[in-house]
Amino acid sequence: MAMLNILSILIGIVGLLLAIIGLVPLLGWTNWIWLIVPIIGAGLGFLSKSTTGRNFNLFVIAIMVIRLALGGGVI
């Protein structure tokens, strides 16, 4: 089960890097495409006994959703 947590954290790091790209002006729409990455990571984090990976992916999801809300879901 610890491997699921490590995999979840690694997926979360990839999601965070993609979210940083989505913070660039006029690239906010990419968060719609990349939002699936931390969702998958959070799913793996829910299967793990540890909560670190799950919480990290939920944080990345929150960053992406807030960026989408600030940009009106498009920009």
PDB file of N, CA and C in Angstrom:
ATOM      1  N   MET A   1       0.807  -1.205   0.000  1.00  0.00           N
ATOM      2  CA  MET A   1       0.000   0.000   0.000  1.00  0.00           C
ATOM      3  C   MET A   1       0.849   1.268   0.000  1.00  0.00           C
ATOM      4  N   ALA A   2       2.075   1.183   0.496  1.00  0.00           N
ATOM      5  CA  ALA A   2       2.937   2.364   0.496  1.00  0.00           C
ATOM      6  C   ALA A   2       3.317   2.761  -0.921  1.00  0.00           C
ATOM      7  N   MET A   3       3.371   1.780  -1.814  1.00  0.00           N
ATOM      8  CA  MET A   3       3.707   2.075  -3.209  1.00  0.00           C
ATOM      9  C   MET A   3       2.620   2.923  -3.859  1.00  0.00           C
ATOM     10  N   LEU A   4       1.374   2.697  -3.474  1.00  0.00           N
ATOM     11  CA  LEU A   4       0.288   3.512  -4.022  1.00  0.00           C
ATOM     12  C   LEU A   4       0.438   4.969  -3.601  1.00  0.00           C
ATOM     13  N   ASN A   5       0.884   5.178  -2.368  1.00  0.00           N
ATOM     14  CA  ASN A   5       1.068   6.543  -1.888  1.00  0.00           C
ATOM     15  C   ASN A   5       2.209   7.224  -2.637  1.00  0.00           C
ATOM     16  N   ILE A   6       3.306   6.505  -2.851  1.00  0.00           N
ATOM     17  CA  ILE A   6       4.435   7.075  -3.594  1.00  0.00           C
ATOM     18  C   ILE A   6       4.023   7.381  -5.020  1.00  0.00           C
ATOM     19  N   LEU A   7       3.290   6.466  -5.645  1.00  0.00           N
ATOM     20  CA  LEU A   7       2.811   6.689  -7.009  1.00  0.00           C
ATOM     21  C   LEU A   7       1.859   7.883  -7.059  1.00  0.00           C
ATOM     22  N   SER A   8       1.028   8.015  -6.040  1.00  0.00           N
ATOM     23  CA  SER A   8       0.100   9.138  -5.966  1.00  0.00           C
ATOM     24  C   SER A   8       0.851  10.461  -5.854  1.00  0.00           C
ATOM     25  N   ILE A   9       1.902  10.488  -5.055  1.00  0.00           N
ATOM     26  CA  ILE A   9       2.699  11.709  -4.908  1.00  0.00           C
ATOM     27  C   ILE A   9       3.393  12.053  -6.225  1.00  0.00           C
ATOM     28  N   LEU A  10       3.938  11.048  -6.911  1.00  0.00           N
ATOM     29  CA  LEU A  10       4.600  11.297  -8.195  1.00  0.00           C
ATOM     30  C   LEU A  10       3.614  11.838  -9.230  1.00  0.00           C
ATOM     31  N   ILE A  11       2.424  11.276  -9.263  1.00  0.00           N
ATOM     32  CA  ILE A  11       1.396  11.778 -10.177  1.00  0.00           C
ATOM     33  C   ILE A  11       1.007  13.204  -9.791  1.00  0.00           C
ATOM     34  N   GLY A  12       0.957  13.481  -8.493  1.00  0.00           N
ATOM     35  CA  GLY A  12       0.653  14.833  -8.030  1.00  0.00           C
ATOM     36  C   GLY A  12       1.711  15.844  -8.437  1.00  0.00           C
ATOM     37  N   ILE A  13       2.978  15.433  -8.421  1.00  0.00           N
ATOM     38  CA  ILE A  13       4.053  16.329  -8.849  1.00  0.00           C
ATOM     39  C   ILE A  13       3.906  16.652 -10.330  1.00  0.00           C
ATOM     40  N   VAL A  14       3.590  15.640 -11.134  1.00  0.00           N
ATOM     41  CA  VAL A  14       3.354  15.877 -12.565  1.00  0.00           C
ATOM     42  C   VAL A  14       2.167  16.822 -12.741  1.00  0.00           C
ATOM     43  N   GLY A  15       1.098  16.588 -11.979  1.00  0.00           N
ATOM     44  CA  GLY A  15      -0.073  17.463 -12.051  1.00  0.00           C
ATOM     45  C   GLY A  15       0.245  18.890 -11.644  1.00  0.00           C
ATOM     46  N   LEU A  16       1.110  19.051 -10.642  1.00  0.00           N
ATOM     47  CA  LEU A  16       1.490  20.396 -10.205  1.00  0.00           C
ATOM     48  C   LEU A  16       2.290  21.113 -11.286  1.00  0.00           C
ATOM     49  N   LEU A  17       3.185  20.400 -11.949  1.00  0.00           N
ATOM     50  CA  LEU A  17       3.944  21.009 -13.048  1.00  0.00           C
ATOM     51  C   LEU A  17       3.014  21.434 -14.181  1.00  0.00           C
ATOM     52  N   LEU A  18       2.021  20.609 -14.474  1.00  0.00           N
ATOM     53  CA  LEU A  18       1.053  20.970 -15.507  1.00  0.00           C
ATOM     54  C   LEU A  18       0.194  22.153 -15.065  1.00  0.00           C
ATOM     55  N   ALA A  19      -0.123  22.212 -13.764  1.00  0.00           N
ATOM     56  CA  ALA A  19      -0.914  23.333 -13.245  1.00  0.00           C
ATOM     57  C   ALA A  19      -0.133  24.635 -13.334  1.00  0.00           C
ATOM     58  N   ILE A  20       1.178  24.568 -13.140  1.00  0.00           N
ATOM     59  CA  ILE A  20       2.001  25.775 -13.253  1.00  0.00           C
ATOM     60  C   ILE A  20       1.951  26.304 -14.681  1.00  0.00           C
ATOM     61  N   ILE A  21       1.977  25.407 -15.654  1.00  0.00           N
ATOM     62  CA  ILE A  21       1.844  25.834 -17.049  1.00  0.00           C
ATOM     63  C   ILE A  21       0.471  26.469 -17.265  1.00  0.00           C
ATOM     64  N   GLY A  22      -0.554  25.918 -16.614  1.00  0.00           N
ATOM     65  CA  GLY A  22      -1.902  26.457 -16.742  1.00  0.00           C
ATOM     66  C   GLY A  22      -2.087  27.817 -16.091  1.00  0.00           C
ATOM     67  N   LEU A  23      -1.127  28.247 -15.267  1.00  0.00           N
ATOM     68  CA  LEU A  23      -1.209  29.571 -14.645  1.00  0.00           C
ATOM     69  C   LEU A  23      -0.778  30.685 -15.590  1.00  0.00           C
ATOM     70  N   VAL A  24      -0.121  30.324 -16.677  1.00  0.00           N
ATOM     71  CA  VAL A  24       0.325  31.316 -17.658  1.00  0.00           C
ATOM     72  C   VAL A  24      -0.912  31.930 -18.322  1.00  0.00           C
ATOM     73  N   PRO A  25      -0.929  33.252 -18.492  1.00  0.00           N
ATOM     74  CA  PRO A  25      -2.080  33.875 -19.154  1.00  0.00           C
ATOM     75  C   PRO A  25      -2.360  33.256 -20.522  1.00  0.00           C
ATOM     76  N   LEU A  26      -3.624  33.087 -20.825  1.00  0.00           N
ATOM     77  CA  LEU A  26      -4.147  32.495 -22.056  1.00  0.00           C
ATOM     78  C   LEU A  26      -3.908  30.993 -22.166  1.00  0.00           C
ATOM     79  N   LEU A  27      -3.359  30.366 -21.140  1.00  0.00           N
ATOM     80  CA  LEU A  27      -3.209  28.911 -21.144  1.00  0.00           C
ATOM     81  C   LEU A  27      -4.036  28.255 -20.039  1.00  0.00           C
ATOM     82  N   GLY A  28      -4.928  29.013 -19.418  1.00  0.00           N
ATOM     83  CA  GLY A  28      -5.752  28.469 -18.344  1.00  0.00           C
ATOM     84  C   GLY A  28      -6.680  27.365 -18.802  1.00  0.00           C
ATOM     85  N   TRP A  29      -7.075  27.381 -20.071  1.00  0.00           N
ATOM     86  CA  TRP A  29      -7.970  26.353 -20.603  1.00  0.00           C
ATOM     87  C   TRP A  29      -7.322  24.971 -20.557  1.00  0.00           C
ATOM     88  N   THR A  30      -5.990  24.917 -20.500  1.00  0.00           N
ATOM     89  CA  THR A  30      -5.324  23.610 -20.463  1.00  0.00           C
ATOM     90  C   THR A  30      -5.600  22.870 -19.158  1.00  0.00           C
ATOM     91  N   ASN A  31      -5.999  23.602 -18.122  1.00  0.00           N
ATOM     92  CA  ASN A  31      -6.328  22.941 -16.857  1.00  0.00           C
ATOM     93  C   ASN A  31      -7.518  22.001 -17.012  1.00  0.00           C
ATOM     94  N   TRP A  32      -8.416  22.275 -17.961  1.00  0.00           N
ATOM     95  CA  TRP A  32      -9.525  21.350 -18.210  1.00  0.00           C
ATOM     96  C   TRP A  32      -8.998  19.993 -18.660  1.00  0.00           C
ATOM     97  N   ILE A  33      -7.966  20.011 -19.498  1.00  0.00           N
ATOM     98  CA  ILE A  33      -7.397  18.764 -20.011  1.00  0.00           C
ATOM     99  C   ILE A  33      -6.582  18.069 -18.928  1.00  0.00           C
ATOM    100  N   TRP A  34      -5.773  18.845 -18.201  1.00  0.00           N
ATOM    101  CA  TRP A  34      -4.838  18.269 -17.243  1.00  0.00           C
ATOM    102  C   TRP A  34      -5.449  17.985 -15.883  1.00  0.00           C
ATOM    103  N   LEU A  35      -6.678  18.353 -15.664  1.00  0.00           N
ATOM    104  CA  LEU A  35      -7.321  18.124 -14.368  1.00  0.00           C
ATOM    105  C   LEU A  35      -7.462  16.640 -14.060  1.00  0.00           C
ATOM    106  N   ILE A  36      -7.487  15.807 -15.093  1.00  0.00           N
ATOM    107  CA  ILE A  36      -7.636  14.368 -14.886  1.00  0.00           C
ATOM    108  C   ILE A  36      -6.417  13.764 -14.186  1.00  0.00           C
ATOM    109  N   VAL A  37      -5.233  14.375 -14.359  1.00  0.00           N
ATOM    110  CA  VAL A  37      -4.002  13.820 -13.774  1.00  0.00           C
ATOM    111  C   VAL A  37      -4.079  13.792 -12.241  1.00  0.00           C
ATOM    112  N   PRO A  38      -4.342  14.922 -11.556  1.00  0.00           N
ATOM    113  CA  PRO A  38      -4.422  14.829 -10.097  1.00  0.00           C
ATOM    114  C   PRO A  38      -5.669  14.081  -9.607  1.00  0.00           C
ATOM    115  N   ILE A  39      -6.702  13.990 -10.439  1.00  0.00           N
ATOM    116  CA  ILE A  39      -7.870  13.198 -10.039  1.00  0.00           C
ATOM    117  C   ILE A  39      -7.484  11.724  -9.958  1.00  0.00           C
ATOM    118  N   ILE A  40      -6.713  11.255 -10.937  1.00  0.00           N
ATOM    119  CA  ILE A  40      -6.229   9.871 -10.895  1.00  0.00           C
ATOM    120  C   ILE A  40      -5.296   9.684  -9.697  1.00  0.00           C
ATOM    121  N   GLY A  41      -4.421  10.663  -9.459  1.00  0.00           N
ATOM    122  CA  GLY A  41      -3.521  10.590  -8.309  1.00  0.00           C
ATOM    123  C   GLY A  41      -4.269  10.566  -6.988  1.00  0.00           C
ATOM    124  N   ALA A  42      -5.334  11.352  -6.885  1.00  0.00           N
ATOM    125  CA  ALA A  42      -6.133  11.345  -5.657  1.00  0.00           C
ATOM    126  C   ALA A  42      -6.835  10.005  -5.477  1.00  0.00           C
ATOM    127  N   GLY A  43      -7.282   9.420  -6.590  1.00  0.00           N
ATOM    128  CA  GLY A  43      -7.901   8.095  -6.508  1.00  0.00           C
ATOM    129  C   GLY A  43      -6.937   7.055  -5.974  1.00  0.00           C
ATOM    130  N   LEU A  44      -5.694   7.096  -6.448  1.00  0.00           N
ATOM    131  CA  LEU A  44      -4.687   6.177  -5.915  1.00  0.00           C
ATOM    132  C   LEU A  44      -4.381   6.499  -4.458  1.00  0.00           C
ATOM    133  N   GLY A  45      -4.394   7.780  -4.114  1.00  0.00           N
ATOM    134  CA  GLY A  45      -4.159   8.177  -2.730  1.00  0.00           C
ATOM    135  C   GLY A  45      -5.250   7.692  -1.795  1.00  0.00           C
ATOM    136  N   PHE A  46      -6.495   7.624  -2.289  1.00  0.00           N
ATOM    137  CA  PHE A  46      -7.587   7.112  -1.467  1.00  0.00           C
ATOM    138  C   PHE A  46      -7.427   5.621  -1.199  1.00  0.00           C
ATOM    139  N   LEU A  47      -6.779   4.900  -2.117  1.00  0.00           N
ATOM    140  CA  LEU A  47      -6.568   3.465  -1.941  1.00  0.00           C
ATOM    141  C   LEU A  47      -5.419   3.155  -0.987  1.00  0.00           C
ATOM    142  N   SER A  48      -4.569   4.140  -0.726  1.00  0.00           N
ATOM    143  CA  SER A  48      -3.420   3.953   0.140  1.00  0.00           C
ATOM    144  C   SER A  48      -3.799   4.202   1.596  1.00  0.00           C
ATOM    145  N   LYS A  49      -3.026   3.604   2.498  1.00  0.00           N
ATOM    146  CA  LYS A  49      -3.278   3.825   3.923  1.00  0.00           C
ATOM    147  C   LYS A  49      -2.852   5.225   4.353  1.00  0.00           C
ATOM    148  N   SER A  50      -1.771   5.726   3.764  1.00  0.00           N
ATOM    149  CA  SER A  50      -1.274   7.053   4.092  1.00  0.00           C
ATOM    150  C   SER A  50      -2.098   8.113   3.357  1.00  0.00           C
ATOM    151  N   THR A  51      -2.169   9.286   3.928  1.00  0.00           N
ATOM    152  CA  THR A  51      -3.004  10.337   3.338  1.00  0.00           C
ATOM    153  C   THR A  51      -2.199  11.425   2.633  1.00  0.00           C
ATOM    154  N   THR A  52      -0.882  11.300   2.625  1.00  0.00           N
ATOM    155  CA  THR A  52      -0.047  12.358   2.050  1.00  0.00           C
ATOM    156  C   THR A  52      -0.318  12.567   0.573  1.00  0.00           C
ATOM    157  N   GLY A  53      -0.314  11.490  -0.204  1.00  0.00           N
ATOM    158  CA  GLY A  53      -0.540  11.593  -1.644  1.00  0.00           C
ATOM    159  C   GLY A  53      -1.923  12.118  -1.971  1.00  0.00           C
ATOM    160  N   ARG A  54      -2.911  11.636  -1.222  1.00  0.00           N
ATOM    161  CA  ARG A  54      -4.281  12.100  -1.451  1.00  0.00           C
ATOM    162  C   ARG A  54      -4.401  13.594  -1.191  1.00  0.00           C
ATOM    163  N   ASN A  55      -3.861  14.049  -0.065  1.00  0.00           N
ATOM    164  CA  ASN A  55      -3.958  15.466   0.287  1.00  0.00           C
ATOM    165  C   ASN A  55      -3.209  16.347  -0.707  1.00  0.00           C
ATOM    166  N   PHE A  56      -2.052  15.889  -1.159  1.00  0.00           N
ATOM    167  CA  PHE A  56      -1.281  16.664  -2.132  1.00  0.00           C
ATOM    168  C   PHE A  56      -2.044  16.802  -3.440  1.00  0.00           C
ATOM    169  N   ASN A  57      -2.658  15.722  -3.905  1.00  0.00           N
ATOM    170  CA  ASN A  57      -3.424  15.775  -5.147  1.00  0.00           C
ATOM    171  C   ASN A  57      -4.673  16.634  -4.992  1.00  0.00           C
ATOM    172  N   LEU A  58      -5.305  16.597  -3.842  1.00  0.00           N
ATOM    173  CA  LEU A  58      -6.458  17.467  -3.611  1.00  0.00           C
ATOM    174  C   LEU A  58      -6.037  18.938  -3.629  1.00  0.00           C
ATOM    175  N   PHE A  59      -4.840  19.225  -3.121  1.00  0.00           N
ATOM    176  CA  PHE A  59      -4.300  20.587  -3.180  1.00  0.00           C
ATOM    177  C   PHE A  59      -4.074  21.020  -4.630  1.00  0.00           C
ATOM    178  N   VAL A  60      -3.516  20.126  -5.445  1.00  0.00           N
ATOM    179  CA  VAL A  60      -3.284  20.439  -6.861  1.00  0.00           C
ATOM    180  C   VAL A  60      -4.617  20.644  -7.578  1.00  0.00           C
ATOM    181  N   ILE A  61      -5.611  19.824  -7.262  1.00  0.00           N
ATOM    182  CA  ILE A  61      -6.941  19.987  -7.857  1.00  0.00           C
ATOM    183  C   ILE A  61      -7.508  21.357  -7.484  1.00  0.00           C
ATOM    184  N   ALA A  62      -7.337  21.754  -6.221  1.00  0.00           N
ATOM    185  CA  ALA A  62      -7.843  23.056  -5.774  1.00  0.00           C
ATOM    186  C   ALA A  62      -7.169  24.196  -6.534  1.00  0.00           C
ATOM    187  N   ILE A  63      -5.861  24.099  -6.756  1.00  0.00           N
ATOM    188  CA  ILE A  63      -5.154  25.135  -7.523  1.00  0.00           C
ATOM    189  C   ILE A  63      -5.736  25.240  -8.924  1.00  0.00           C
ATOM    190  N   MET A  64      -5.939  24.089  -9.569  1.00  0.00           N
ATOM    191  CA  MET A  64      -6.462  24.098 -10.941  1.00  0.00           C
ATOM    192  C   MET A  64      -7.885  24.654 -10.997  1.00  0.00           C
ATOM    193  N   VAL A  65      -8.711  24.265 -10.054  1.00  0.00           N
ATOM    194  CA  VAL A  65     -10.106  24.718 -10.064  1.00  0.00           C
ATOM    195  C   VAL A  65     -10.184  26.216  -9.769  1.00  0.00           C
ATOM    196  N   ILE A  66      -9.367  26.699  -8.841  1.00  0.00           N
ATOM    197  CA  ILE A  66      -9.360  28.135  -8.546  1.00  0.00           C
ATOM    198  C   ILE A  66      -8.906  28.920  -9.768  1.00  0.00           C
ATOM    199  N   ARG A  67      -7.894  28.420 -10.467  1.00  0.00           N
ATOM    200  CA  ARG A  67      -7.420  29.096 -11.692  1.00  0.00           C
ATOM    201  C   ARG A  67      -8.518  29.116 -12.747  1.00  0.00           C
ATOM    202  N   LEU A  68      -9.234  28.016 -12.888  1.00  0.00           N
ATOM    203  CA  LEU A  68     -10.336  27.978 -13.850  1.00  0.00           C
ATOM    204  C   LEU A  68     -11.439  28.958 -13.457  1.00  0.00           C
ATOM    205  N   ALA A  69     -11.733  29.046 -12.158  1.00  0.00           N
ATOM    206  CA  ALA A  69     -12.778  29.960 -11.700  1.00  0.00           C
ATOM    207  C   ALA A  69     -12.375  31.421 -11.920  1.00  0.00           C
ATOM    208  N   LEU A  70     -11.114  31.738 -11.665  1.00  0.00           N
ATOM    209  CA  LEU A  70     -10.652  33.112 -11.862  1.00  0.00           C
ATOM    210  C   LEU A  70     -10.650  33.506 -13.331  1.00  0.00           C
ATOM    211  N   GLY A  71     -10.411  32.548 -14.198  1.00  0.00           N
ATOM    212  CA  GLY A  71     -10.384  32.839 -15.625  1.00  0.00           C
ATOM    213  C   GLY A  71     -11.721  32.654 -16.299  1.00  0.00           C
ATOM    214  N   GLY A  72     -12.752  32.396 -15.537  1.00  0.00           N
ATOM    215  CA  GLY A  72     -14.069  32.184 -16.124  1.00  0.00           C
ATOM    216  C   GLY A  72     -14.199  30.834 -16.804  1.00  0.00           C
ATOM    217  N   GLY A  73     -13.274  29.934 -16.530  1.00  0.00           N
ATOM    218  CA  GLY A  73     -13.326  28.599 -17.103  1.00  0.00           C
ATOM    219  C   GLY A  73     -12.754  28.498 -18.497  1.00  0.00           C
ATOM    220  N   VAL A  74     -12.288  29.625 -19.041  1.00  0.00           N
ATOM    221  CA  VAL A  74     -11.797  29.598 -20.420  1.00  0.00           C
ATOM    222  C   VAL A  74     -10.345  30.044 -20.500  1.00  0.00           C
ATOM    223  N   ILE A  75     -10.062  31.281 -20.052  1.00  0.00           N
ATOM    224  CA  ILE A  75      -8.707  31.811 -20.271  1.00  0.00           C
ATOM    225  C   ILE A  75      -7.810  31.640 -19.071  1.00  0.00           C
TER     226      ILE A  75
END
